[in-house]
Structures are given as C-alpha cells and as structure tokens.
Amino acid sequence: MAETLDLSDVVGFLTENMNEELAIAEKMTAAANPILSQAADEPEQDTEPKIGKEKYADKKSKEDEAEATSELAKHR
C-alpha cells in the first residue's frame, strides 16, 4: 500500500522493520530448538491426583486440542 501511495520512506521503514523481525525470529528459533529437543527427551513427570476442577480442565483441554487438530487437518 505504501508503494502504491509512493511513500518510499515508509516502504523503507516497513522493510527494515520486517527484516529486523525476521532476524529476531531466527535467533529465537535457534535458541529454542535445543531447549525443545531436551524437553522432548525427558520423560513425562508424574503428577499428583487431580481434584474435580483440574480433572474437568484437563479433559476440556484435551477435547479442545483434538478439535483444533481436526480443524487444522481440514484446511491442509
């Protein structure tokens, strides 16, 4: 849109900003990958028995996750 309006200074600013954000995203991904790999290798921790509200929240979370997964599969 800025190009269409011939606002070259705005185009330059937006391009610079986008490049900075992409560079930051790459750094964050590089920093996160070892952490995620380590976490994936760790066994799941045993949890204490859940009370009623926690059981409901856990069940609801699993249902929501299953629904989101099926919705994503539809759009692929």
N, C-alpha and C. Protein backbone atom coordinates (compact mmCIF):
# COMPACT_ATOMS: atom_id res chain seq x y z
N MET A 1 0.83 -1.18 0.00
CA MET A 1 0.00 0.00 0.00
C MET A 1 0.89 1.26 0.00
N ALA A 2 1.95 1.21 0.79
CA ALA A 2 2.86 2.36 0.83
C ALA A 2 3.51 2.57 -0.52
N GLU A 3 3.81 1.47 -1.21
CA GLU A 3 4.38 1.59 -2.56
C GLU A 3 3.38 2.23 -3.51
N THR A 4 2.13 1.81 -3.40
CA THR A 4 1.08 2.37 -4.26
C THR A 4 0.93 3.86 -4.04
N LEU A 5 1.06 4.29 -2.80
CA LEU A 5 0.94 5.71 -2.47
C LEU A 5 2.25 6.47 -2.67
N ASP A 6 3.26 5.77 -3.17
CA ASP A 6 4.56 6.36 -3.45
C ASP A 6 5.18 6.98 -2.19
N LEU A 7 5.10 6.24 -1.11
CA LEU A 7 5.68 6.67 0.16
C LEU A 7 6.96 5.85 0.40
N SER A 8 8.00 6.18 -0.35
CA SER A 8 9.22 5.39 -0.31
C SER A 8 9.87 5.36 1.07
N ASP A 9 9.76 6.45 1.82
CA ASP A 9 10.34 6.44 3.16
C ASP A 9 9.61 5.45 4.07
N VAL A 10 8.30 5.34 3.90
CA VAL A 10 7.51 4.39 4.69
C VAL A 10 7.83 2.97 4.25
N VAL A 11 7.97 2.76 2.94
CA VAL A 11 8.34 1.44 2.42
C VAL A 11 9.67 1.01 3.02
N GLY A 12 10.63 1.91 3.04
CA GLY A 12 11.94 1.60 3.59
C GLY A 12 11.86 1.25 5.07
N PHE A 13 11.08 2.01 5.82
CA PHE A 13 10.92 1.75 7.24
C PHE A 13 10.27 0.39 7.48
N LEU A 14 9.20 0.12 6.75
CA LEU A 14 8.49 -1.16 6.91
C LEU A 14 9.37 -2.34 6.51
N THR A 15 10.14 -2.19 5.45
CA THR A 15 11.04 -3.26 5.01
C THR A 15 12.11 -3.51 6.06
N GLU A 16 12.69 -2.44 6.58
CA GLU A 16 13.72 -2.57 7.62
C GLU A 16 13.14 -3.25 8.86
N ASN A 17 11.95 -2.84 9.25
CA ASN A 17 11.30 -3.41 10.41
C ASN A 17 11.03 -4.90 10.20
N MET A 18 10.54 -5.27 9.03
CA MET A 18 10.26 -6.67 8.74
C MET A 18 11.54 -7.50 8.79
N ASN A 19 12.62 -6.97 8.22
CA ASN A 19 13.89 -7.68 8.24
C ASN A 19 14.41 -7.88 9.67
N GLU A 20 14.23 -6.87 10.51
CA GLU A 20 14.64 -6.99 11.92
C GLU A 20 13.82 -8.07 12.62
N GLU A 21 12.51 -8.08 12.37
CA GLU A 21 11.65 -9.08 13.00
C GLU A 21 12.00 -10.49 12.53
N LEU A 22 12.31 -10.65 11.25
CA LEU A 22 12.71 -11.96 10.74
C LEU A 22 14.02 -12.42 11.37
N ALA A 23 14.96 -11.49 11.54
CA ALA A 23 16.24 -11.84 12.17
C ALA A 23 16.02 -12.26 13.62
N ILE A 24 15.17 -11.55 14.32
CA ILE A 24 14.87 -11.90 15.71
C ILE A 24 14.18 -13.26 15.78
N ALA A 25 13.26 -13.52 14.88
CA ALA A 25 12.56 -14.81 14.86
C ALA A 25 13.54 -15.95 14.62
N GLU A 26 14.52 -15.75 13.76
CA GLU A 26 15.53 -16.78 13.51
C GLU A 26 16.36 -17.03 14.76
N LYS A 27 16.75 -15.96 15.46
CA LYS A 27 17.53 -16.10 16.68
C LYS A 27 16.73 -16.82 17.76
N MET A 28 15.46 -16.47 17.87
CA MET A 28 14.60 -17.12 18.87
C MET A 28 14.43 -18.60 18.57
N THR A 29 14.25 -18.92 17.30
CA THR A 29 14.11 -20.32 16.90
C THR A 29 15.39 -21.09 17.19
N ALA A 30 16.53 -20.49 16.87
CA ALA A 30 17.81 -21.14 17.13
C ALA A 30 18.01 -21.37 18.63
N ALA A 31 17.59 -20.43 19.45
CA ALA A 31 17.73 -20.57 20.90
C ALA A 31 16.74 -21.59 21.46
N ALA A 32 15.56 -21.68 20.86
CA ALA A 32 14.52 -22.56 21.38
C ALA A 32 14.73 -24.02 21.01
N ASN A 33 15.32 -24.28 19.85
CA ASN A 33 15.45 -25.67 19.38
C ASN A 33 16.17 -26.58 20.37
N PRO A 34 17.32 -26.18 20.94
CA PRO A 34 17.96 -27.07 21.91
C PRO A 34 17.10 -27.31 23.15
N ILE A 35 16.40 -26.29 23.58
CA ILE A 35 15.54 -26.42 24.75
C ILE A 35 14.40 -27.38 24.46
N LEU A 36 13.79 -27.24 23.29
CA LEU A 36 12.69 -28.13 22.91
C LEU A 36 13.16 -29.57 22.73
N SER A 37 14.34 -29.74 22.16
CA SER A 37 14.89 -31.09 21.99
C SER A 37 15.14 -31.74 23.34
N GLN A 38 15.71 -30.98 24.25
CA GLN A 38 15.97 -31.52 25.58
C GLN A 38 14.66 -31.89 26.28
N ALA A 39 13.67 -31.03 26.18
CA ALA A 39 12.39 -31.29 26.82
C ALA A 39 11.72 -32.53 26.22
N ALA A 40 11.88 -32.71 24.92
CA ALA A 40 11.27 -33.87 24.26
C ALA A 40 11.91 -35.17 24.71
N ASP A 41 13.18 -35.12 25.09
CA ASP A 41 13.88 -36.32 25.53
C ASP A 41 13.59 -36.69 26.98
N GLU A 42 13.06 -35.75 27.75
CA GLU A 42 12.78 -36.01 29.16
C GLU A 42 11.48 -36.79 29.31
N PRO A 43 11.45 -37.72 30.26
CA PRO A 43 10.20 -38.46 30.49
C PRO A 43 9.14 -37.54 31.11
N GLU A 44 7.90 -37.88 30.88
CA GLU A 44 6.83 -37.09 31.49
C GLU A 44 6.88 -37.25 32.99
N GLN A 45 6.58 -36.18 33.69
CA GLN A 45 6.61 -36.22 35.14
C GLN A 45 5.27 -36.71 35.67
N ASP A 46 5.35 -37.51 36.72
CA ASP A 46 4.13 -37.94 37.37
C ASP A 46 3.52 -36.75 38.09
N THR A 47 2.21 -36.69 38.06
CA THR A 47 1.53 -35.59 38.74
C THR A 47 0.73 -36.12 39.90
N GLU A 48 0.42 -35.25 40.80
CA GLU A 48 -0.41 -35.63 41.94
C GLU A 48 -1.84 -35.87 41.46
N PRO A 49 -2.61 -36.63 42.21
CA PRO A 49 -4.01 -36.84 41.83
C PRO A 49 -4.73 -35.51 41.68
N LYS A 50 -5.58 -35.44 40.71
CA LYS A 50 -6.27 -34.19 40.42
C LYS A 50 -7.58 -34.09 41.17
N ILE A 51 -7.93 -32.84 41.50
CA ILE A 51 -9.23 -32.60 42.10
C ILE A 51 -10.25 -32.39 40.97
N GLY A 52 -11.49 -32.25 41.30
CA GLY A 52 -12.56 -32.16 40.31
C GLY A 52 -12.35 -31.10 39.24
N LYS A 53 -12.01 -29.90 39.64
CA LYS A 53 -11.82 -28.81 38.67
C LYS A 53 -10.65 -29.10 37.74
N GLU A 54 -9.58 -29.66 38.30
CA GLU A 54 -8.41 -29.97 37.48
C GLU A 54 -8.73 -31.07 36.48
N LYS A 55 -9.50 -32.07 36.91
CA LYS A 55 -9.90 -33.15 36.00
C LYS A 55 -10.73 -32.58 34.85
N TYR A 56 -11.67 -31.70 35.17
CA TYR A 56 -12.52 -31.11 34.14
C TYR A 56 -11.68 -30.27 33.18
N ALA A 57 -10.78 -29.46 33.72
CA ALA A 57 -9.95 -28.60 32.87
C ALA A 57 -9.05 -29.44 31.97
N ASP A 58 -8.49 -30.52 32.50
CA ASP A 58 -7.64 -31.41 31.71
C ASP A 58 -8.44 -32.06 30.59
N LYS A 59 -9.63 -32.54 30.91
CA LYS A 59 -10.49 -33.17 29.90
C LYS A 59 -10.87 -32.16 28.82
N LYS A 60 -11.26 -30.96 29.23
CA LYS A 60 -11.65 -29.91 28.29
C LYS A 60 -10.48 -29.53 27.40
N SER A 61 -9.29 -29.42 27.98
CA SER A 61 -8.11 -29.08 27.20
C SER A 61 -7.83 -30.12 26.13
N LYS A 62 -7.94 -31.40 26.49
CA LYS A 62 -7.71 -32.47 25.52
C LYS A 62 -8.78 -32.45 24.42
N GLU A 63 -10.02 -32.18 24.79
CA GLU A 63 -11.08 -32.07 23.79
C GLU A 63 -10.83 -30.91 22.84
N ASP A 64 -10.45 -29.77 23.39
CA ASP A 64 -10.16 -28.59 22.56
C ASP A 64 -8.98 -28.85 21.63
N GLU A 65 -7.97 -29.53 22.13
CA GLU A 65 -6.80 -29.84 21.31
C GLU A 65 -7.18 -30.78 20.17
N ALA A 66 -8.00 -31.78 20.46
CA ALA A 66 -8.43 -32.72 19.42
C ALA A 66 -9.27 -31.99 18.36
N GLU A 67 -10.13 -31.09 18.80
CA GLU A 67 -10.95 -30.33 17.86
C GLU A 67 -10.09 -29.42 16.99
N ALA A 68 -9.12 -28.76 17.59
CA ALA A 68 -8.24 -27.87 16.83
C ALA A 68 -7.42 -28.66 15.82
N THR A 69 -6.97 -29.84 16.22
CA THR A 69 -6.19 -30.68 15.32
C THR A 69 -7.01 -31.09 14.11
N SER A 70 -8.26 -31.46 14.35
CA SER A 70 -9.12 -31.86 13.23
C SER A 70 -9.44 -30.68 12.33
N GLU A 71 -9.60 -29.50 12.91
CA GLU A 71 -9.86 -28.30 12.11
C GLU A 71 -8.65 -27.96 11.25
N LEU A 72 -7.46 -28.09 11.81
CA LEU A 72 -6.25 -27.82 11.04
C LEU A 72 -6.11 -28.81 9.88
N ALA A 73 -6.46 -30.05 10.14
CA ALA A 73 -6.35 -31.08 9.10
C ALA A 73 -7.29 -30.78 7.94
N LYS A 74 -8.43 -30.19 8.22
CA LYS A 74 -9.39 -29.84 7.17
C LYS A 74 -8.84 -28.78 6.23
N HIS A 75 -8.00 -27.88 6.76
CA HIS A 75 -7.51 -26.74 5.99
C HIS A 75 -6.17 -27.01 5.30
N ARG A 76 -5.68 -28.21 5.40
CA ARG A 76 -4.39 -28.53 4.74
C ARG A 76 -4.59 -29.05 3.37
